Amino acid sequence: MIKVVSTLKDVDGKDPFIVGTHNGIFHSDEVVACAILYLLKPTNQMWILRSRNLDELKNCNIVVDIGGGDFDHHISGFNKRRPNGIMYASAGLVWEKFGIDILNLFRSIYFSKYDVDLNMVYQILDDEVISVVDREDNGVPCDLPNVFSFIPDFRPLWFETDPIAFNVQFEFALKATADILEATLKACMAKVVTEKVLRDNWMDYDLFHDGILEIPSQTMDWVDTVIGFNLSVPCEFAKVNFVMFPYPAGGWAAQCVPPSFDDKFGQRISFPKAWAGKTDDLPAITGVPTATFCHNGCFFVRAQEKDDVTALCKLAMNH
């Protein structure tokens, strides 16, 4: 739970976790910094003190973007930069301090079965997400999109003059930012894990043979990695023509692998055109008893039984 206040007098509860930042206009960097801290303590209520009262700010657990401490990039002479030369703002300073801790937490919650290179995930996120926020706040152009470019849209409009409106809108912005940051961190970690899982499966005969690669889920982001596998090996028997997976609504499914990065809507091997759009009559057409569906584009099939999806893929290759 997140609650924004203007004074410590409004904070209650036992042993509250309080983050201090400045009041008035808010920017992406301090909102993202607060969201990082919120994800670090997801089970606790977090209070945000928005104030310029230094006596009150000194009583916060952490202060960002104001106060002259470790997470204030506005102090005179500040020139802390990343190895690539990008200047830090408050989001980057908080990420540098707590990023690995958050990723460790996420690994324990979502990816405990996998060996995750947290340093790689940390660096990807800093390069593609956090440093973009820092660059924007420091007035430095960046070609990469800012995931959090929506934050200024939460500011009160010019005719909304009540000072409380800034706290209300900051709270809305922070809650949205925390949700999107959590999803972004999970997605990045999942991508790093995905590449390892796909490679391990590709090297396992029980999960890859006859051009068919079994993966654990339809939602796994497999396309680029599998295309890369195919481009890395000269032998046809080592190339992946289909990926198969448990279908979320039951049964199994398979999808054709694109031939190249430039043709991601194509197929190395398509399912036969005679199957296109077929459902109830697909078993009779294919001779596969539990076949249930072939997409009209001939790139996706379903069957109730795993072996039958494998059979559909083999039929396509023989066809």
C-alpha atoms as a PDB file:
ATOM      1  CA  MET A   1       0.000   0.000   0.000  1.00  0.00           C
ATOM      2  CA  ILE A   2       1.268   3.484  -0.894  1.00  0.00           C
ATOM      3  CA  LYS A   3       0.196   6.662   0.868  1.00  0.00           C
ATOM      4  CA  VAL A   4       1.450  10.161   0.049  1.00  0.00           C
ATOM      5  CA  VAL A   5       1.492  12.852   2.753  1.00  0.00           C
ATOM      6  CA  SER A   6       2.710  16.429   3.196  1.00  0.00           C
ATOM      7  CA  THR A   7       3.847  16.093   6.813  1.00  0.00           C
ATOM      8  CA  LEU A   8       5.037  13.355   9.143  1.00  0.00           C
ATOM      9  CA  LYS A   9       2.095  14.197  11.390  1.00  0.00           C
ATOM     10  CA  ASP A  10      -0.126  12.320   8.911  1.00  0.00           C
ATOM     11  CA  VAL A  11       1.957   9.113   9.108  1.00  0.00           C
ATOM     12  CA  ASP A  12       0.601   6.361  11.345  1.00  0.00           C
ATOM     13  CA  GLY A  13       1.104   2.660  11.935  1.00  0.00           C
ATOM     14  CA  LYS A  14       3.780   0.677  13.708  1.00  0.00           C
ATOM     15  CA  ASP A  15       7.348   1.127  12.412  1.00  0.00           C
ATOM     16  CA  PRO A  16       6.300   2.817   9.118  1.00  0.00           C
ATOM     17  CA  PHE A  17       8.634   2.845   6.113  1.00  0.00           C
ATOM     18  CA  ILE A  18       8.871   6.453   4.964  1.00  0.00           C
ATOM     19  CA  VAL A  19      10.466   7.728   1.754  1.00  0.00           C
ATOM     20  CA  GLY A  20      11.030  11.469   1.498  1.00  0.00           C
ATOM     21  CA  THR A  21      11.063  13.453  -1.724  1.00  0.00           C
ATOM     22  CA  HIS A  22      10.316  17.008  -2.778  1.00  0.00           C
ATOM     23  CA  ASN A  23       6.857  18.475  -3.201  1.00  0.00           C
ATOM     24  CA  GLY A  24       5.518  20.511  -6.131  1.00  0.00           C
ATOM     25  CA  ILE A  25       6.076  19.357  -9.715  1.00  0.00           C
ATOM     26  CA  PHE A  26       7.130  15.718  -9.925  1.00  0.00           C
ATOM     27  CA  HIS A  27       9.280  14.058 -12.557  1.00  0.00           C
ATOM     28  CA  SER A  28       9.868  10.532 -13.775  1.00  0.00           C
ATOM     29  CA  ASP A  29      13.149  10.025 -11.906  1.00  0.00           C
ATOM     30  CA  GLU A  30      11.844  10.434  -8.343  1.00  0.00           C
ATOM     31  CA  VAL A  31       8.643   8.551  -9.127  1.00  0.00           C
ATOM     32  CA  VAL A  32      10.656   5.630 -10.521  1.00  0.00           C
ATOM     33  CA  ALA A  33      13.056   5.848  -7.553  1.00  0.00           C
ATOM     34  CA  CYS A  34      10.109   5.555  -5.150  1.00  0.00           C
ATOM     35  CA  ALA A  35       8.683   2.658  -7.187  1.00  0.00           C
ATOM     36  CA  ILE A  36      11.999   0.789  -6.902  1.00  0.00           C
ATOM     37  CA  LEU A  37      11.904   1.206  -3.133  1.00  0.00           C
ATOM     38  CA  TYR A  38       8.289   0.071  -3.012  1.00  0.00           C
ATOM     39  CA  LEU A  39       9.126  -3.158  -4.866  1.00  0.00           C
ATOM     40  CA  LEU A  40      11.883  -3.779  -2.342  1.00  0.00           C
ATOM     41  CA  LYS A  41       9.260  -3.840   0.454  1.00  0.00           C
ATOM     42  CA  PRO A  42       6.150  -5.193  -1.293  1.00  0.00           C
ATOM     43  CA  THR A  43       4.398  -6.471   1.839  1.00  0.00           C
ATOM     44  CA  ASN A  44       4.707  -3.230   3.802  1.00  0.00           C
ATOM     45  CA  GLN A  45       2.834   0.040   3.645  1.00  0.00           C
ATOM     46  CA  MET A  46       5.090   2.734   2.242  1.00  0.00           C
ATOM     47  CA  TRP A  47       4.573   6.367   3.101  1.00  0.00           C
ATOM     48  CA  ILE A  48       5.839   9.073   0.762  1.00  0.00           C
ATOM     49  CA  LEU A  49       6.574  12.391   2.426  1.00  0.00           C
ATOM     50  CA  ARG A  50       6.535  15.108  -0.234  1.00  0.00           C
ATOM     51  CA  SER A  51       8.086  18.133   1.451  1.00  0.00           C
ATOM     52  CA  ARG A  52      10.969  20.603   1.455  1.00  0.00           C
ATOM     53  CA  ASN A  53      11.100  20.684   5.241  1.00  0.00           C
ATOM     54  CA  LEU A  54      14.589  19.337   5.855  1.00  0.00           C
ATOM     55  CA  ASP A  55      13.901  18.680   9.538  1.00  0.00           C
ATOM     56  CA  GLU A  56      11.057  16.328   8.596  1.00  0.00           C
ATOM     57  CA  LEU A  57      12.960  14.777   5.700  1.00  0.00           C
ATOM     58  CA  LYS A  58      15.788  13.845   8.062  1.00  0.00           C
ATOM     59  CA  ASN A  59      13.352  11.559   9.903  1.00  0.00           C
ATOM     60  CA  CYS A  60      12.521   9.507   6.779  1.00  0.00           C
ATOM     61  CA  ASN A  61      14.039   6.073   6.182  1.00  0.00           C
ATOM     62  CA  ILE A  62      15.310   7.169   2.759  1.00  0.00           C
ATOM     63  CA  VAL A  63      15.248  10.517   0.955  1.00  0.00           C
ATOM     64  CA  VAL A  64      15.432  10.795  -2.854  1.00  0.00           C
ATOM     65  CA  ASP A  65      15.939  13.747  -5.204  1.00  0.00           C
ATOM     66  CA  ILE A  66      16.305  16.242  -2.346  1.00  0.00           C
ATOM     67  CA  GLY A  67      18.129  16.669   0.948  1.00  0.00           C
ATOM     68  CA  GLY A  68      21.736  16.367  -0.206  1.00  0.00           C
ATOM     69  CA  GLY A  69      22.099  12.665   0.605  1.00  0.00           C
ATOM     70  CA  ASP A  70      23.190   9.634  -1.411  1.00  0.00           C
ATOM     71  CA  PHE A  71      20.142   9.781  -3.709  1.00  0.00           C
ATOM     72  CA  ASP A  72      20.109  13.507  -4.479  1.00  0.00           C
ATOM     73  CA  HIS A  73      21.705  14.375  -7.810  1.00  0.00           C
ATOM     74  CA  HIS A  74      20.961  18.109  -7.454  1.00  0.00           C
ATOM     75  CA  ILE A  75      23.762  18.869  -4.985  1.00  0.00           C
ATOM     76  CA  SER A  76      26.505  21.245  -6.042  1.00  0.00           C
ATOM     77  CA  GLY A  77      29.299  19.551  -7.951  1.00  0.00           C
ATOM     78  CA  PHE A  78      27.417  16.296  -8.530  1.00  0.00           C
ATOM     79  CA  ASN A  79      28.971  14.500 -11.483  1.00  0.00           C
ATOM     80  CA  LYS A  80      28.491  10.812 -10.841  1.00  0.00           C
ATOM     81  CA  ARG A  81      28.392   8.905 -14.124  1.00  0.00           C
ATOM     82  CA  ARG A  82      28.089   5.358 -15.308  1.00  0.00           C
ATOM     83  CA  PRO A  83      31.064   3.735 -17.048  1.00  0.00           C
ATOM     84  CA  ASN A  84      29.392   4.622 -20.375  1.00  0.00           C
ATOM     85  CA  GLY A  85      29.306   8.295 -19.388  1.00  0.00           C
ATOM     86  CA  ILE A  86      25.568   8.588 -18.654  1.00  0.00           C
ATOM     87  CA  MET A  87      24.936  10.828 -15.655  1.00  0.00           C
ATOM     88  CA  TYR A  88      22.932   9.469 -12.756  1.00  0.00           C
ATOM     89  CA  ALA A  89      19.638  10.927 -11.545  1.00  0.00           C
ATOM     90  CA  SER A  90      17.693   9.745  -8.503  1.00  0.00           C
ATOM     91  CA  ALA A  91      16.213   6.697 -10.279  1.00  0.00           C
ATOM     92  CA  GLY A  92      19.657   5.439 -11.255  1.00  0.00           C
ATOM     93  CA  LEU A  93      21.156   6.135  -7.848  1.00  0.00           C
ATOM     94  CA  VAL A  94      18.445   4.105  -6.122  1.00  0.00           C
ATOM     95  CA  TRP A  95      18.700   1.336  -8.739  1.00  0.00           C
ATOM     96  CA  GLU A  96      22.480   1.176  -8.316  1.00  0.00           C
ATOM     97  CA  LYS A  97      22.055   0.684  -4.561  1.00  0.00           C
ATOM     98  CA  PHE A  98      19.068  -1.658  -4.461  1.00  0.00           C
ATOM     99  CA  GLY A  99      18.685  -3.171  -7.943  1.00  0.00           C
ATOM    100  CA  ILE A 100      20.414  -6.478  -7.203  1.00  0.00           C
ATOM    101  CA  ASP A 101      18.444  -6.807  -3.953  1.00  0.00           C
ATOM    102  CA  ILE A 102      15.167  -6.461  -5.855  1.00  0.00           C
ATOM    103  CA  LEU A 103      16.273  -8.918  -8.525  1.00  0.00           C
ATOM    104  CA  ASN A 104      17.237 -11.417  -5.809  1.00  0.00           C
ATOM    105  CA  LEU A 105      13.757 -11.007  -4.347  1.00  0.00           C
ATOM    106  CA  PHE A 106      12.124 -11.521  -7.752  1.00  0.00           C
ATOM    107  CA  ARG A 107      14.281 -14.580  -8.437  1.00  0.00           C
ATOM    108  CA  SER A 108      13.145 -16.164  -5.169  1.00  0.00           C
ATOM    109  CA  ILE A 109       9.488 -15.461  -5.967  1.00  0.00           C
ATOM    110  CA  TYR A 110       9.273 -16.207  -9.693  1.00  0.00           C
ATOM    111  CA  PHE A 111      12.409 -18.024 -10.878  1.00  0.00           C
ATOM    112  CA  SER A 112      13.619 -20.100  -7.934  1.00  0.00           C
ATOM    113  CA  LYS A 113      14.066 -23.165 -10.177  1.00  0.00           C
ATOM    114  CA  TYR A 114      16.476 -21.394 -12.516  1.00  0.00           C
ATOM    115  CA  ASP A 115      20.050 -20.168 -12.406  1.00  0.00           C
ATOM    116  CA  VAL A 116      19.646 -16.481 -13.268  1.00  0.00           C
ATOM    117  CA  ASP A 117      22.556 -14.185 -14.116  1.00  0.00           C
ATOM    118  CA  LEU A 118      21.387 -11.260 -11.977  1.00  0.00           C
ATOM    119  CA  ASN A 119      24.261  -9.022 -13.045  1.00  0.00           C
ATOM    120  CA  MET A 120      23.202  -9.436 -16.661  1.00  0.00           C
ATOM    121  CA  VAL A 121      19.577  -8.630 -15.825  1.00  0.00           C
ATOM    122  CA  TYR A 122      20.660  -5.638 -13.746  1.00  0.00           C
ATOM    123  CA  GLN A 123      22.734  -4.226 -16.596  1.00  0.00           C
ATOM    124  CA  ILE A 124      20.052  -4.756 -19.245  1.00  0.00           C
ATOM    125  CA  LEU A 125      17.515  -2.941 -17.098  1.00  0.00           C
ATOM    126  CA  ASP A 126      19.903  -0.103 -16.338  1.00  0.00           C
ATOM    127  CA  ASP A 127      20.856   0.306 -20.007  1.00  0.00           C
ATOM    128  CA  GLU A 128      17.342   0.048 -21.457  1.00  0.00           C
ATOM    129  CA  VAL A 129      15.059   1.396 -18.710  1.00  0.00           C
ATOM    130  CA  ILE A 130      16.607   3.185 -15.743  1.00  0.00           C
ATOM    131  CA  SER A 131      19.332   5.152 -17.539  1.00  0.00           C
ATOM    132  CA  VAL A 132      16.730   6.389 -20.049  1.00  0.00           C
ATOM    133  CA  VAL A 133      14.797   7.933 -17.153  1.00  0.00           C
ATOM    134  CA  ASP A 134      18.012   9.493 -15.828  1.00  0.00           C
ATOM    135  CA  ARG A 135      18.929  10.926 -19.213  1.00  0.00           C
ATOM    136  CA  GLU A 136      15.517  12.529 -19.604  1.00  0.00           C
ATOM    137  CA  ASP A 137      15.715  14.143 -16.168  1.00  0.00           C
ATOM    138  CA  ASN A 138      19.210  15.454 -16.951  1.00  0.00           C
ATOM    139  CA  GLY A 139      18.044  16.891 -20.273  1.00  0.00           C
ATOM    140  CA  VAL A 140      20.069  14.501 -22.438  1.00  0.00           C
ATOM    141  CA  PRO A 141      18.416  13.186 -25.644  1.00  0.00           C
ATOM    142  CA  CYS A 142      18.050   9.399 -25.977  1.00  0.00           C
ATOM    143  CA  ASP A 143      17.016   7.237 -28.929  1.00  0.00           C
ATOM    144  CA  LEU A 144      15.579   4.531 -26.672  1.00  0.00           C
ATOM    145  CA  PRO A 145      11.913   4.797 -25.618  1.00  0.00           C
ATOM    146  CA  ASN A 146      11.148   5.766 -22.041  1.00  0.00           C
ATOM    147  CA  VAL A 147       8.868   3.143 -20.512  1.00  0.00           C
ATOM    148  CA  PHE A 148       7.744   5.767 -18.000  1.00  0.00           C
ATOM    149  CA  SER A 149       7.135   8.684 -20.368  1.00  0.00           C
ATOM    150  CA  PHE A 150       3.512   8.719 -19.158  1.00  0.00           C
ATOM    151  CA  ILE A 151       4.421   9.997 -15.676  1.00  0.00           C
ATOM    152  CA  PRO A 152       4.215  13.735 -16.493  1.00  0.00           C
ATOM    153  CA  ASP A 153       0.672  13.142 -17.775  1.00  0.00           C
ATOM    154  CA  PHE A 154      -0.364  12.487 -14.169  1.00  0.00           C
ATOM    155  CA  ARG A 155       0.521  16.009 -13.079  1.00  0.00           C
ATOM    156  CA  PRO A 156      -2.410  18.252 -12.188  1.00  0.00           C
ATOM    157  CA  LEU A 157      -3.613  20.378 -15.093  1.00  0.00           C
ATOM    158  CA  TRP A 158      -2.838  24.086 -15.123  1.00  0.00           C
ATOM    159  CA  PHE A 159      -6.257  25.056 -13.734  1.00  0.00           C
ATOM    160  CA  GLU A 160      -6.082  22.568 -10.823  1.00  0.00           C
ATOM    161  CA  THR A 161      -4.499  24.866  -8.255  1.00  0.00           C
ATOM    162  CA  ASP A 162      -5.112  22.964  -5.016  1.00  0.00           C
ATOM    163  CA  PRO A 163      -1.646  21.940  -3.672  1.00  0.00           C
ATOM    164  CA  ILE A 164      -3.134  18.655  -2.451  1.00  0.00           C
ATOM    165  CA  ALA A 165      -3.780  17.722  -6.088  1.00  0.00           C
ATOM    166  CA  PHE A 166      -0.043  17.185  -6.590  1.00  0.00           C
ATOM    167  CA  ASN A 167       0.062  14.581  -3.830  1.00  0.00           C
ATOM    168  CA  VAL A 168      -3.065  12.855  -5.132  1.00  0.00           C
ATOM    169  CA  GLN A 169      -1.691  12.673  -8.652  1.00  0.00           C
ATOM    170  CA  PHE A 170       1.774  11.636  -7.439  1.00  0.00           C
ATOM    171  CA  GLU A 171       0.154   8.706  -5.654  1.00  0.00           C
ATOM    172  CA  PHE A 172      -1.708   7.679  -8.810  1.00  0.00           C
ATOM    173  CA  ALA A 173       1.465   7.978 -10.874  1.00  0.00           C
ATOM    174  CA  LEU A 174       3.526   6.000  -8.357  1.00  0.00           C
ATOM    175  CA  LYS A 175       1.051   3.117  -8.178  1.00  0.00           C
ATOM    176  CA  ALA A 176       0.958   2.839 -11.980  1.00  0.00           C
ATOM    177  CA  THR A 177       4.742   3.108 -12.164  1.00  0.00           C
ATOM    178  CA  ALA A 178       5.265   0.404  -9.541  1.00  0.00           C
ATOM    179  CA  ASP A 179       2.988  -1.986 -11.454  1.00  0.00           C
ATOM    180  CA  ILE A 180       4.730  -1.337 -14.767  1.00  0.00           C
ATOM    181  CA  LEU A 181       8.200  -1.499 -13.222  1.00  0.00           C
ATOM    182  CA  GLU A 182       7.369  -4.853 -11.630  1.00  0.00           C
ATOM    183  CA  ALA A 183       6.140  -6.215 -14.960  1.00  0.00           C
ATOM    184  CA  THR A 184       9.216  -4.835 -16.745  1.00  0.00           C
ATOM    185  CA  LEU A 185      11.639  -6.401 -14.258  1.00  0.00           C
ATOM    186  CA  LYS A 186       9.870  -9.769 -14.454  1.00  0.00           C
ATOM    187  CA  ALA A 187       9.831  -9.654 -18.260  1.00  0.00           C
ATOM    188  CA  CYS A 188      13.548  -8.880 -18.454  1.00  0.00           C
ATOM    189  CA  MET A 189      14.434 -11.637 -16.020  1.00  0.00           C
ATOM    190  CA  ALA A 190      12.146 -14.032 -17.895  1.00  0.00           C
ATOM    191  CA  LYS A 191      13.896 -13.192 -21.171  1.00  0.00           C
ATOM    192  CA  VAL A 192      17.315 -14.026 -19.740  1.00  0.00           C
ATOM    193  CA  VAL A 193      15.955 -17.264 -18.250  1.00  0.00           C
ATOM    194  CA  THR A 194      14.130 -18.064 -21.503  1.00  0.00           C
ATOM    195  CA  GLU A 195      17.322 -18.080 -23.560  1.00  0.00           C
ATOM    196  CA  LYS A 196      18.920 -20.583 -21.188  1.00  0.00           C
ATOM    197  CA  VAL A 197      15.818 -22.818 -21.010  1.00  0.00           C
ATOM    198  CA  LEU A 198      15.498 -22.863 -24.797  1.00  0.00           C
ATOM    199  CA  ARG A 199      19.150 -23.743 -25.279  1.00  0.00           C
ATOM    200  CA  ASP A 200      18.971 -26.494 -22.640  1.00  0.00           C
ATOM    201  CA  ASN A 201      15.848 -27.938 -24.295  1.00  0.00           C
ATOM    202  CA  TRP A 202      17.447 -27.712 -27.744  1.00  0.00           C
ATOM    203  CA  MET A 203      20.386 -29.784 -26.470  1.00  0.00           C
ATOM    204  CA  ASP A 204      18.100 -32.409 -24.867  1.00  0.00           C
ATOM    205  CA  TYR A 205      16.999 -35.227 -27.210  1.00  0.00           C
ATOM    206  CA  ASP A 206      13.881 -35.843 -25.122  1.00  0.00           C
ATOM    207  CA  LEU A 207      12.779 -32.266 -25.824  1.00  0.00           C
ATOM    208  CA  PHE A 208      14.162 -31.733 -29.320  1.00  0.00           C
ATOM    209  CA  HIS A 209      14.140 -34.237 -32.125  1.00  0.00           C
ATOM    210  CA  ASP A 210      12.815 -34.507 -35.681  1.00  0.00           C
ATOM    211  CA  GLY A 211      12.853 -30.717 -35.975  1.00  0.00           C
ATOM    212  CA  ILE A 212      10.347 -30.257 -33.111  1.00  0.00           C
ATOM    213  CA  LEU A 213      11.338 -28.340 -29.961  1.00  0.00           C
ATOM    214  CA  GLU A 214       9.224 -28.680 -26.832  1.00  0.00           C
ATOM    215  CA  ILE A 215       8.944 -25.532 -24.696  1.00  0.00           C
ATOM    216  CA  PRO A 216       7.131 -25.095 -21.363  1.00  0.00           C
ATOM    217  CA  SER A 217       4.628 -22.399 -22.343  1.00  0.00           C
ATOM    218  CA  GLN A 218       3.016 -20.684 -25.313  1.00  0.00           C
ATOM    219  CA  THR A 219       3.787 -17.298 -23.743  1.00  0.00           C
ATOM    220  CA  MET A 220       7.546 -17.952 -23.728  1.00  0.00           C
ATOM    221  CA  ASP A 221       9.300 -15.413 -25.967  1.00  0.00           C
ATOM    222  CA  TRP A 222      11.046 -17.983 -28.125  1.00  0.00           C
ATOM    223  CA  VAL A 223      11.068 -16.569 -31.667  1.00  0.00           C
ATOM    224  CA  ASP A 224      14.361 -14.643 -31.806  1.00  0.00           C
ATOM    225  CA  THR A 225      16.306 -17.249 -29.840  1.00  0.00           C
ATOM    226  CA  VAL A 226      15.111 -20.156 -31.969  1.00  0.00           C
ATOM    227  CA  ILE A 227      15.796 -18.279 -35.209  1.00  0.00           C
ATOM    228  CA  GLY A 228      19.285 -17.676 -33.831  1.00  0.00           C
ATOM    229  CA  PHE A 229      19.714 -21.400 -33.174  1.00  0.00           C
ATOM    230  CA  ASN A 230      18.786 -22.186 -36.764  1.00  0.00           C
ATOM    231  CA  LEU A 231      21.196 -19.622 -38.156  1.00  0.00           C
ATOM    232  CA  SER A 232      24.032 -20.910 -35.960  1.00  0.00           C
ATOM    233  CA  VAL A 233      24.076 -24.491 -37.259  1.00  0.00           C
ATOM    234  CA  PRO A 234      24.677 -25.704 -40.835  1.00  0.00           C
ATOM    235  CA  CYS A 235      23.060 -29.125 -40.378  1.00  0.00           C
ATOM    236  CA  GLU A 236      19.348 -29.398 -41.164  1.00  0.00           C
ATOM    237  CA  PHE A 237      18.767 -32.055 -38.497  1.00  0.00           C
ATOM    238  CA  ALA A 238      19.804 -29.521 -35.814  1.00  0.00           C
ATOM    239  CA  LYS A 239      17.384 -26.842 -37.017  1.00  0.00           C
ATOM    240  CA  VAL A 240      14.009 -26.233 -35.385  1.00  0.00           C
ATOM    241  CA  ASN A 241      10.983 -26.299 -37.668  1.00  0.00           C
ATOM    242  CA  PHE A 242       8.248 -26.293 -35.003  1.00  0.00           C
ATOM    243  CA  VAL A 243       7.881 -25.465 -31.321  1.00  0.00           C
ATOM    244  CA  MET A 244       5.258 -27.343 -29.317  1.00  0.00           C
ATOM    245  CA  PHE A 245       3.806 -26.565 -25.913  1.00  0.00           C
ATOM    246  CA  PRO A 246       0.896 -27.296 -23.552  1.00  0.00           C
ATOM    247  CA  TYR A 247      -2.074 -25.233 -24.685  1.00  0.00           C
ATOM    248  CA  PRO A 248      -3.506 -22.998 -21.917  1.00  0.00           C
ATOM    249  CA  ALA A 249      -7.094 -24.163 -22.553  1.00  0.00           C
ATOM    250  CA  GLY A 250      -6.081 -27.831 -22.537  1.00  0.00           C
ATOM    251  CA  GLY A 251      -4.303 -30.216 -24.870  1.00  0.00           C
ATOM    252  CA  TRP A 252      -1.206 -29.337 -26.880  1.00  0.00           C
ATOM    253  CA  ALA A 253      -0.296 -27.000 -29.719  1.00  0.00           C
ATOM    254  CA  ALA A 254       2.522 -26.353 -32.168  1.00  0.00           C
ATOM    255  CA  GLN A 255       3.671 -23.308 -34.093  1.00  0.00           C
ATOM    256  CA  CYS A 256       5.873 -22.990 -37.160  1.00  0.00           C
ATOM    257  CA  VAL A 257       9.284 -21.368 -36.772  1.00  0.00           C
ATOM    258  CA  PRO A 258       9.955 -18.322 -38.987  1.00  0.00           C
ATOM    259  CA  PRO A 259      12.806 -18.657 -41.504  1.00  0.00           C
ATOM    260  CA  SER A 260      14.708 -15.490 -40.535  1.00  0.00           C
ATOM    261  CA  PHE A 261      14.728 -12.317 -38.464  1.00  0.00           C
ATOM    262  CA  ASP A 262      13.564 -10.403 -41.544  1.00  0.00           C
ATOM    263  CA  ASP A 263      10.590 -12.727 -42.118  1.00  0.00           C
ATOM    264  CA  LYS A 264       9.069 -13.357 -38.711  1.00  0.00           C
ATOM    265  CA  PHE A 265       5.616 -13.864 -40.208  1.00  0.00           C
ATOM    266  CA  GLY A 266       6.844 -16.605 -42.527  1.00  0.00           C
ATOM    267  CA  GLN A 267       7.397 -20.302 -41.836  1.00  0.00           C
ATOM    268  CA  ARG A 268      10.319 -22.598 -42.526  1.00  0.00           C
ATOM    269  CA  ILE A 269       7.717 -25.316 -43.035  1.00  0.00           C
ATOM    270  CA  SER A 270       3.987 -24.551 -43.121  1.00  0.00           C
ATOM    271  CA  PHE A 271       1.176 -26.898 -42.265  1.00  0.00           C
ATOM    272  CA  PRO A 272      -0.601 -28.109 -45.424  1.00  0.00           C
ATOM    273  CA  LYS A 273      -3.065 -25.704 -47.049  1.00  0.00           C
ATOM    274  CA  ALA A 274      -5.697 -28.446 -47.019  1.00  0.00           C
ATOM    275  CA  TRP A 275      -5.765 -28.121 -43.207  1.00  0.00           C
ATOM    276  CA  ALA A 276      -6.355 -24.352 -43.192  1.00  0.00           C
ATOM    277  CA  GLY A 277      -9.191 -23.357 -40.863  1.00  0.00           C
ATOM    278  CA  LYS A 278     -10.264 -26.956 -40.244  1.00  0.00           C
ATOM    279  CA  THR A 279     -11.613 -28.075 -36.862  1.00  0.00           C
ATOM    280  CA  ASP A 280     -14.085 -30.975 -36.529  1.00  0.00           C
ATOM    281  CA  ASP A 281     -13.073 -32.557 -39.830  1.00  0.00           C
ATOM    282  CA  LEU A 282      -9.322 -32.226 -39.178  1.00  0.00           C
ATOM    283  CA  PRO A 283      -8.958 -35.789 -37.773  1.00  0.00           C
ATOM    284  CA  ALA A 284     -10.435 -37.238 -40.959  1.00  0.00           C
ATOM    285  CA  ILE A 285      -8.220 -35.059 -43.178  1.00  0.00           C
ATOM    286  CA  THR A 286      -4.995 -35.748 -41.278  1.00  0.00           C
ATOM    287  CA  GLY A 287      -5.578 -39.202 -39.836  1.00  0.00           C
ATOM    288  CA  VAL A 288      -4.620 -37.798 -36.417  1.00  0.00           C
ATOM    289  CA  PRO A 289      -7.423 -38.772 -33.976  1.00  0.00           C
ATOM    290  CA  THR A 290      -7.364 -35.849 -31.535  1.00  0.00           C
ATOM    291  CA  ALA A 291      -6.438 -33.032 -33.944  1.00  0.00           C
ATOM    292  CA  THR A 292      -8.740 -30.094 -33.176  1.00  0.00           C
ATOM    293  CA  PHE A 293      -7.627 -27.009 -35.107  1.00  0.00           C
ATOM    294  CA  CYS A 294      -5.359 -25.600 -37.791  1.00  0.00           C
ATOM    295  CA  HIS A 295      -5.078 -21.837 -38.165  1.00  0.00           C
ATOM    296  CA  ASN A 296      -6.191 -20.426 -41.495  1.00  0.00           C
ATOM    297  CA  GLY A 297      -2.644 -19.110 -41.940  1.00  0.00           C
ATOM    298  CA  CYS A 298      -1.271 -22.666 -41.642  1.00  0.00           C
ATOM    299  CA  PHE A 299       1.237 -21.746 -38.919  1.00  0.00           C
ATOM    300  CA  PHE A 300      -0.502 -23.137 -35.817  1.00  0.00           C
ATOM    301  CA  VAL A 301      -2.194 -26.434 -34.912  1.00  0.00           C
ATOM    302  CA  ARG A 302      -3.791 -27.969 -31.843  1.00  0.00           C
ATOM    303  CA  ALA A 303      -4.605 -31.481 -30.656  1.00  0.00           C
ATOM    304  CA  GLN A 304      -5.752 -33.018 -27.420  1.00  0.00           C
ATOM    305  CA  GLU A 305      -2.782 -35.370 -27.145  1.00  0.00           C
ATOM    306  CA  LYS A 306       0.889 -34.454 -27.157  1.00  0.00           C
ATOM    307  CA  ASP A 307       1.791 -37.313 -29.496  1.00  0.00           C
ATOM    308  CA  ASP A 308      -0.853 -36.144 -31.944  1.00  0.00           C
ATOM    309  CA  VAL A 309       0.615 -32.644 -32.132  1.00  0.00           C
ATOM    310  CA  THR A 310       3.972 -34.292 -32.833  1.00  0.00           C
ATOM    311  CA  ALA A 311       2.287 -36.349 -35.545  1.00  0.00           C
ATOM    312  CA  LEU A 312       0.834 -33.217 -37.174  1.00  0.00           C
ATOM    313  CA  CYS A 313       4.293 -31.632 -37.294  1.00  0.00           C
ATOM    314  CA  LYS A 314       5.822 -34.742 -38.851  1.00  0.00           C
ATOM    315  CA  LEU A 315       3.056 -34.879 -41.445  1.00  0.00           C
ATOM    316  CA  ALA A 316       3.795 -31.268 -42.370  1.00  0.00           C
ATOM    317  CA  MET A 317       7.504 -32.008 -42.774  1.00  0.00           C
ATOM    318  CA  ASN A 318       6.777 -35.060 -44.934  1.00  0.00           C
ATOM    319  CA  HIS A 319       4.228 -33.112 -46.940  1.00  0.00           C
END
